[in-house]
Protein backbone atom coordinates (compact mmCIF):
# COMPACT_ATOMS: atom_id res chain seq x y z
CA UNK A 1 -38.61 49.76 -80.75
CA UNK A 2 -38.71 50.70 -84.51
CA UNK A 3 -41.09 53.42 -84.97
CA UNK A 4 -41.51 54.71 -88.47
CA UNK A 5 -37.94 56.25 -89.74
CA UNK A 6 -36.47 55.87 -86.05
CA UNK A 7 -35.67 53.54 -83.24
CA UNK A 8 -37.25 54.38 -79.75
CA UNK A 9 -35.64 53.04 -76.84
CA UNK A 10 -37.51 52.46 -73.50
CA UNK A 11 -38.50 50.62 -70.05
CA UNK A 12 -42.28 48.89 -69.00
CA UNK A 13 -42.50 48.37 -65.65
CA UNK A 14 -45.46 46.99 -63.48
CA UNK A 15 -48.62 45.66 -64.19
CA UNK A 16 -52.08 48.08 -64.19
CA UNK A 17 -52.98 50.96 -66.45
CA UNK A 18 -50.11 52.12 -69.04
CA UNK A 19 -48.57 55.18 -67.89
CA UNK A 20 -46.27 56.56 -70.46
CA UNK A 21 -43.14 59.19 -68.73
CA UNK A 22 -41.71 61.76 -71.24
CA UNK A 23 -38.21 63.29 -70.73
CA UNK A 24 -37.58 66.97 -70.87
CA UNK A 25 -35.14 68.67 -73.27
CA UNK A 26 -32.24 66.34 -74.47
CA UNK A 27 -32.55 64.36 -71.57
CA UNK A 28 -32.73 60.11 -71.80
CA UNK A 29 -35.49 58.75 -69.51
CA UNK A 30 -32.66 58.18 -66.57
CA UNK A 31 -33.79 61.26 -65.47
CA UNK A 32 -36.85 59.91 -63.80
CA UNK A 33 -36.43 59.23 -60.40
CA UNK A 34 -36.42 55.74 -59.39
CA UNK A 35 -38.17 56.21 -56.40
CA UNK A 36 -41.37 57.93 -58.70
CA UNK A 37 -41.15 55.06 -61.06
CA UNK A 38 -41.19 52.50 -58.35
CA UNK A 39 -44.62 54.59 -56.50
CA UNK A 40 -46.69 54.38 -59.66
CA UNK A 41 -46.19 50.79 -60.16
CA UNK A 42 -46.89 50.18 -56.29
CA UNK A 43 -50.40 52.65 -57.26
CA UNK A 44 -50.92 50.25 -60.39
CA UNK A 45 -49.60 51.61 -63.37
CA UNK A 46 -47.76 49.63 -66.25
CA UNK A 47 -45.30 52.48 -66.47
CA UNK A 48 -43.55 53.05 -69.91
CA UNK A 49 -40.19 55.80 -69.63
CA UNK A 50 -39.00 56.59 -73.44
CA UNK A 51 -36.10 58.52 -75.08
CA UNK A 52 -37.21 61.15 -77.37
CA UNK A 53 -35.87 60.85 -80.54
CA UNK A 54 -32.02 62.55 -80.66
CA UNK A 55 -31.91 61.54 -77.15
CA UNK A 56 -30.78 58.17 -74.77
CA UNK A 57 -30.58 55.34 -76.64
CA UNK A 58 -33.17 56.49 -79.53
CA UNK A 59 -31.79 57.11 -82.47
CA UNK A 60 -29.77 60.56 -83.23
CA UNK A 61 -31.73 62.13 -86.57
CA UNK A 62 -29.21 63.28 -89.62
CA UNK A 63 -29.68 67.26 -90.17
CA UNK A 64 -27.99 70.26 -89.42
CA UNK A 65 -28.09 72.08 -86.32
CA UNK A 66 -29.55 74.98 -86.16
CA UNK A 67 -28.40 77.62 -85.43
CA UNK A 68 -30.00 78.42 -81.72
CA UNK A 69 -29.51 81.69 -80.89
CA UNK A 70 -31.02 83.10 -84.31
CA UNK A 71 -33.81 80.81 -84.16
CA UNK A 72 -34.66 81.67 -80.10
CA UNK A 73 -34.45 85.50 -81.00
CA UNK A 74 -36.71 85.03 -83.83
CA UNK A 75 -39.34 82.84 -81.88
CA UNK A 76 -39.23 85.73 -79.63
CA UNK A 77 -40.04 88.40 -82.55
CA UNK A 78 -42.91 85.56 -83.40
CA UNK A 79 -41.49 84.85 -86.56
CA UNK A 80 -41.33 81.39 -87.87
CA UNK A 81 -38.27 78.91 -87.34
CA UNK A 82 -37.04 76.80 -89.58
CA UNK A 83 -36.45 73.12 -87.58
CA UNK A 84 -35.25 69.34 -88.78
CA UNK A 85 -38.42 68.35 -87.11
CA UNK A 86 -41.35 69.76 -85.00
CA UNK A 87 -42.96 68.52 -81.45
CA UNK A 88 -45.90 66.62 -83.32
CA UNK A 89 -42.78 64.60 -84.87
CA UNK A 90 -42.24 63.98 -81.57
CA UNK A 91 -45.75 63.21 -80.60
CA UNK A 92 -45.85 60.96 -83.16
CA UNK A 93 -43.02 58.63 -81.80
CA UNK A 94 -44.39 58.39 -77.98
CA UNK A 95 -48.17 57.43 -79.92
CA UNK A 96 -46.89 54.86 -82.26
CA UNK A 97 -44.37 53.35 -79.13
CA UNK A 98 -47.33 53.01 -77.50
CA UNK A 99 -49.78 51.73 -80.13
CA UNK A 100 -46.84 49.31 -80.59
CA UNK A 101 -46.67 48.13 -77.16
CA UNK A 102 -49.76 47.33 -77.70
CA UNK A 103 -51.70 50.54 -75.60
CA UNK A 104 -54.25 52.17 -77.05
CA UNK A 105 -55.18 54.39 -74.43
CA UNK A 106 -52.89 55.71 -71.90
CA UNK A 107 -52.02 58.52 -69.47
CA UNK A 108 -49.22 60.41 -70.25
CA UNK A 109 -47.26 62.55 -67.80
CA UNK A 110 -44.53 65.16 -69.54
CA UNK A 111 -41.93 66.83 -67.76
CA UNK A 112 -40.20 70.05 -69.35
CA UNK A 113 -40.28 69.71 -72.79
CA UNK A 114 -41.92 66.68 -72.64
CA UNK A 115 -44.51 68.35 -71.11
CA UNK A 116 -44.76 70.31 -74.18
CA UNK A 117 -44.37 67.12 -76.39
CA UNK A 118 -47.83 65.64 -74.34
CA UNK A 119 -49.83 69.01 -74.44
CA UNK A 120 -49.34 68.17 -78.56
CA UNK A 121 -50.36 65.11 -78.21
CA UNK A 122 -53.63 66.11 -76.75
CA UNK A 123 -53.27 68.77 -79.05
CA UNK A 124 -53.47 65.57 -82.24
CA UNK A 125 -54.97 62.88 -80.69
CA UNK A 126 -57.52 63.23 -77.18
CA UNK A 127 -59.08 60.01 -78.06
CA UNK A 128 -55.94 58.15 -76.80
CA UNK A 129 -55.22 60.35 -74.04
CA UNK A 130 -56.69 58.84 -70.30
CA UNK A 131 -55.31 61.97 -68.49
CA UNK A 132 -52.17 64.42 -69.05
CA UNK A 133 -49.63 65.37 -66.19
CA UNK A 134 -47.26 68.44 -67.70
CA UNK A 135 -44.65 68.84 -64.94
CA UNK A 136 -42.55 71.85 -64.90
CA UNK A 137 -43.32 73.03 -68.40
CA UNK A 138 -44.90 75.44 -70.64
CA UNK A 139 -47.88 76.32 -72.44
CA UNK A 140 -45.95 78.41 -75.28
CA UNK A 141 -45.47 81.67 -75.92
CA UNK A 142 -42.55 84.31 -75.29
CA UNK A 143 -43.86 85.26 -71.67
CA UNK A 144 -45.08 82.11 -70.19
CA UNK A 145 -41.31 80.56 -71.37
CA UNK A 146 -39.12 82.68 -70.40
CA UNK A 147 -37.80 82.31 -66.80
CA UNK A 148 -34.39 84.25 -65.59
CA UNK A 149 -31.85 84.58 -67.85
CA UNK A 150 -29.15 82.93 -65.80
CA UNK A 151 -31.12 79.26 -66.11
CA UNK A 152 -31.46 80.10 -70.28
CA UNK A 153 -27.66 80.55 -70.13
CA UNK A 154 -27.23 77.47 -68.59
CA UNK A 155 -28.71 75.82 -72.37
CA UNK A 156 -26.32 77.43 -74.18
CA UNK A 157 -23.09 77.30 -72.85
CA UNK A 158 -20.19 75.83 -75.72
CA UNK A 159 -20.53 71.96 -74.81
CA UNK A 160 -17.17 70.78 -73.16
CA UNK A 161 -15.27 67.68 -75.14
CA UNK A 162 -13.70 66.52 -72.31
CA UNK A 163 -16.11 63.85 -70.68
CA UNK A 164 -15.25 64.43 -67.05
CA UNK A 165 -15.61 68.28 -67.81
CA UNK A 166 -19.05 67.56 -69.58
CA UNK A 167 -20.35 66.14 -66.58
CA UNK A 168 -19.27 68.60 -63.92
CA UNK A 169 -20.79 71.25 -66.70
CA UNK A 170 -23.93 69.22 -66.58
CA UNK A 171 -24.31 68.96 -62.79
CA UNK A 172 -23.58 72.88 -62.08
CA UNK A 173 -26.28 73.53 -64.72
CA UNK A 174 -28.94 71.06 -62.24
CA UNK A 175 -27.72 73.03 -59.51
CA UNK A 176 -28.92 76.31 -61.21
CA UNK A 177 -32.52 74.83 -62.40
CA UNK A 178 -32.74 73.89 -58.68
CA UNK A 179 -33.71 77.06 -57.85
CA UNK A 180 -32.59 79.81 -55.25
CA UNK A 181 -33.73 81.20 -52.52
CA UNK A 182 -36.54 78.78 -50.29
CA UNK A 183 -35.92 75.57 -52.90
CA UNK A 184 -35.06 72.28 -51.32
CA UNK A 185 -31.46 71.31 -50.83
CA UNK A 186 -29.75 70.11 -54.01
CA UNK A 187 -28.82 66.72 -54.00
CA UNK A 188 -25.34 66.40 -55.94
CA UNK A 189 -25.37 62.52 -56.29
CA UNK A 190 -28.30 61.89 -57.91
CA UNK A 191 -27.80 64.92 -60.18
CA UNK A 192 -23.78 63.38 -61.29
CA UNK A 193 -25.70 59.92 -61.51
CA UNK A 194 -27.92 61.68 -63.78
CA UNK A 195 -25.07 63.90 -65.70
CA UNK A 196 -23.09 60.86 -66.21
CA UNK A 197 -25.84 58.92 -67.73
CA UNK A 198 -26.66 61.66 -69.93
CA UNK A 199 -23.02 62.03 -71.28
CA UNK A 200 -22.60 58.13 -71.46
CA UNK A 201 -25.80 58.16 -73.85
CA UNK A 202 -23.81 60.11 -76.17
CA UNK A 203 -25.56 63.39 -76.19
CA UNK A 204 -23.81 66.02 -78.63
CA UNK A 205 -24.25 69.82 -79.44
CA UNK A 206 -26.06 69.10 -82.85
CA UNK A 207 -29.14 67.18 -81.12
CA UNK A 208 -29.71 69.64 -77.95
CA UNK A 209 -29.65 72.07 -80.56
CA UNK A 210 -32.43 70.52 -83.42
CA UNK A 211 -33.97 70.03 -79.85
CA UNK A 212 -34.31 73.49 -78.68
CA UNK A 213 -35.28 74.63 -82.13
CA UNK A 214 -38.10 72.32 -82.43
CA UNK A 215 -39.61 73.69 -78.94
CA UNK A 216 -39.07 77.18 -80.15
CA UNK A 217 -41.07 76.56 -82.99
CA UNK A 218 -43.61 75.33 -81.91
CA UNK A 219 -43.68 78.23 -78.60
CA UNK A 220 -46.06 80.11 -80.55
CA UNK A 221 -48.50 78.21 -82.53
CA UNK A 222 -49.18 76.09 -79.34
CA UNK A 223 -50.39 78.75 -77.24
CA UNK A 224 -53.50 79.62 -78.83
CA UNK A 225 -54.47 76.33 -79.07
CA UNK A 226 -54.00 75.04 -75.96
CA UNK A 227 -58.16 76.02 -74.94
CA UNK A 228 -59.13 73.28 -77.08
CA UNK A 229 -57.51 70.34 -75.14
CA UNK A 230 -60.01 68.48 -73.72
CA UNK A 231 -58.24 65.48 -72.18
CA UNK A 232 -58.17 65.64 -68.08
CA UNK A 233 -55.15 67.78 -66.99
CA UNK A 234 -52.82 68.15 -63.88
CA UNK A 235 -50.55 71.00 -64.17
CA UNK A 236 -47.31 70.41 -61.38
CA UNK A 237 -44.51 73.23 -61.59
CA UNK A 238 -42.03 74.10 -58.47
CA UNK A 239 -42.37 77.65 -56.70
CA UNK A 240 -39.08 78.12 -57.18
CA UNK A 241 -38.49 77.18 -60.83
CA UNK A 242 -35.72 79.74 -62.28
CA UNK A 243 -35.63 78.37 -66.23
CA UNK A 244 -39.78 78.17 -66.85
CA UNK A 245 -41.67 81.13 -65.02
CA UNK A 246 -44.83 79.28 -62.64
CA UNK A 247 -46.87 82.29 -64.68
CA UNK A 248 -46.84 80.06 -67.62
CA UNK A 249 -48.21 76.57 -65.22
CA UNK A 250 -50.86 78.94 -64.01
CA UNK A 251 -51.72 80.27 -67.69
CA UNK A 252 -52.04 76.16 -69.08
CA UNK A 253 -54.25 75.51 -66.11
CA UNK A 254 -56.40 79.29 -66.51
CA UNK A 255 -56.74 78.20 -70.21
CA UNK A 256 -57.37 74.59 -70.54
CA UNK A 257 -60.74 73.58 -69.52
CA UNK A 258 -61.48 72.38 -66.13
CA UNK A 259 -57.29 71.85 -65.62
CA UNK A 260 -55.89 71.23 -62.28
CA UNK A 261 -52.70 73.12 -61.07
CA UNK A 262 -50.47 72.20 -58.44
CA UNK A 263 -47.55 74.16 -57.17
CA UNK A 264 -44.94 72.86 -54.98
CA UNK A 265 -42.90 74.54 -52.45
CA UNK A 266 -39.10 74.23 -52.96
CA UNK A 267 -39.26 72.64 -56.08
CA UNK A 268 -37.09 74.33 -59.32
CA UNK A 269 -37.01 73.01 -62.73
CA UNK A 270 -35.94 69.59 -61.14
CA UNK A 271 -37.60 66.64 -59.39
CA UNK A 272 -36.47 66.59 -55.64
CA UNK A 273 -36.48 63.60 -53.83
CA UNK A 274 -38.63 64.86 -50.79
CA UNK A 275 -41.57 66.32 -52.80
CA UNK A 276 -41.67 62.62 -55.50
CA UNK A 277 -44.07 61.12 -52.60
CA UNK A 278 -46.65 64.09 -53.30
CA UNK A 279 -45.90 63.92 -57.20
CA UNK A 280 -46.76 60.51 -57.66
CA UNK A 281 -49.88 60.81 -55.15
CA UNK A 282 -51.04 63.74 -57.65
CA UNK A 283 -50.69 61.54 -60.68
CA UNK A 284 -52.05 59.00 -59.27
CA UNK A 285 -55.62 60.74 -57.68
CA UNK A 286 -55.95 62.59 -61.38
CA UNK A 287 -56.10 59.45 -63.22
CA UNK A 288 -58.43 57.64 -60.45
CA UNK A 289 -60.98 61.13 -60.35
CA UNK A 290 -60.34 61.17 -64.43
CA UNK A 291 -61.54 57.33 -64.46
CA UNK A 292 -64.41 57.98 -62.36
CA UNK A 293 -66.07 60.56 -64.02
CA UNK A 294 -65.22 58.61 -67.48
CA UNK A 295 -67.27 55.93 -65.90
CA UNK A 296 -70.16 58.21 -66.46
CA UNK A 297 -70.09 59.17 -69.60
CA UNK A 298 -69.28 57.85 -73.19
CA UNK A 299 -65.85 56.98 -74.42
CA UNK A 300 -64.79 58.63 -77.32
CA UNK A 301 -64.26 56.23 -80.15
CA UNK A 302 -60.11 55.69 -81.09
CA UNK A 303 -59.86 56.70 -84.56
CA UNK A 304 -56.97 54.80 -86.95
């Protein structure tokens, strides 16, 4: 689907209320487990899963790769970060896609960077969002965006040239991000499926760098603003997440008015199969509750 200057790849399944799934850093839409999508479709949602710009089958941006380490240090120091595009541009892609599909008002569910994009959408066009669900994400800010160093290092590794080696690197990364003590058993077959889909989509170091730096650029700007989010919000986070700390999820739920927090035992920075029924149920309940509340109050007008 052509949205502005980029092509955004997507899949749409089911009937009923539209619900958009936004993936994380450099991830294609294959990161969303089929079991989760099936459960959401069975619950009565029309599920749209998208590839962000610079990922999956969507357009690659023609821009030099920024220096990731320098950008990270500048962000941690509270300094401005230069980036080829911002999370606001990625949010505009998502709004454009849903509008082109005829969905003027919809639920949005984002994971990791996708959660940050979803937060940005709630800040930019709250009248278009029925609910916001932010999974294993961060509200921004140094304290809430930096987890364990060994997990962050997995994102900064040089990208191998060989396909098989790259798949193995991604599987190893997913193993680390799944968490350590207390985490659910690592599902290597599913991790290998997702890693293979990633590599076959043409993932490159430049693409990863551009999206990482977009995250860094947004971090300090987004944190002071999230208290103004009015969209009914559900924050879901794994108790064993080594990449983005649980304290960030708690801070997000505390700062966003009337937000709810679900901490999932055994879940790391991933979507393990045993917790998928819980996640689908929580997302569905959140949407139904918000709809009930909205039916009792005037709906804000959608502005062009």
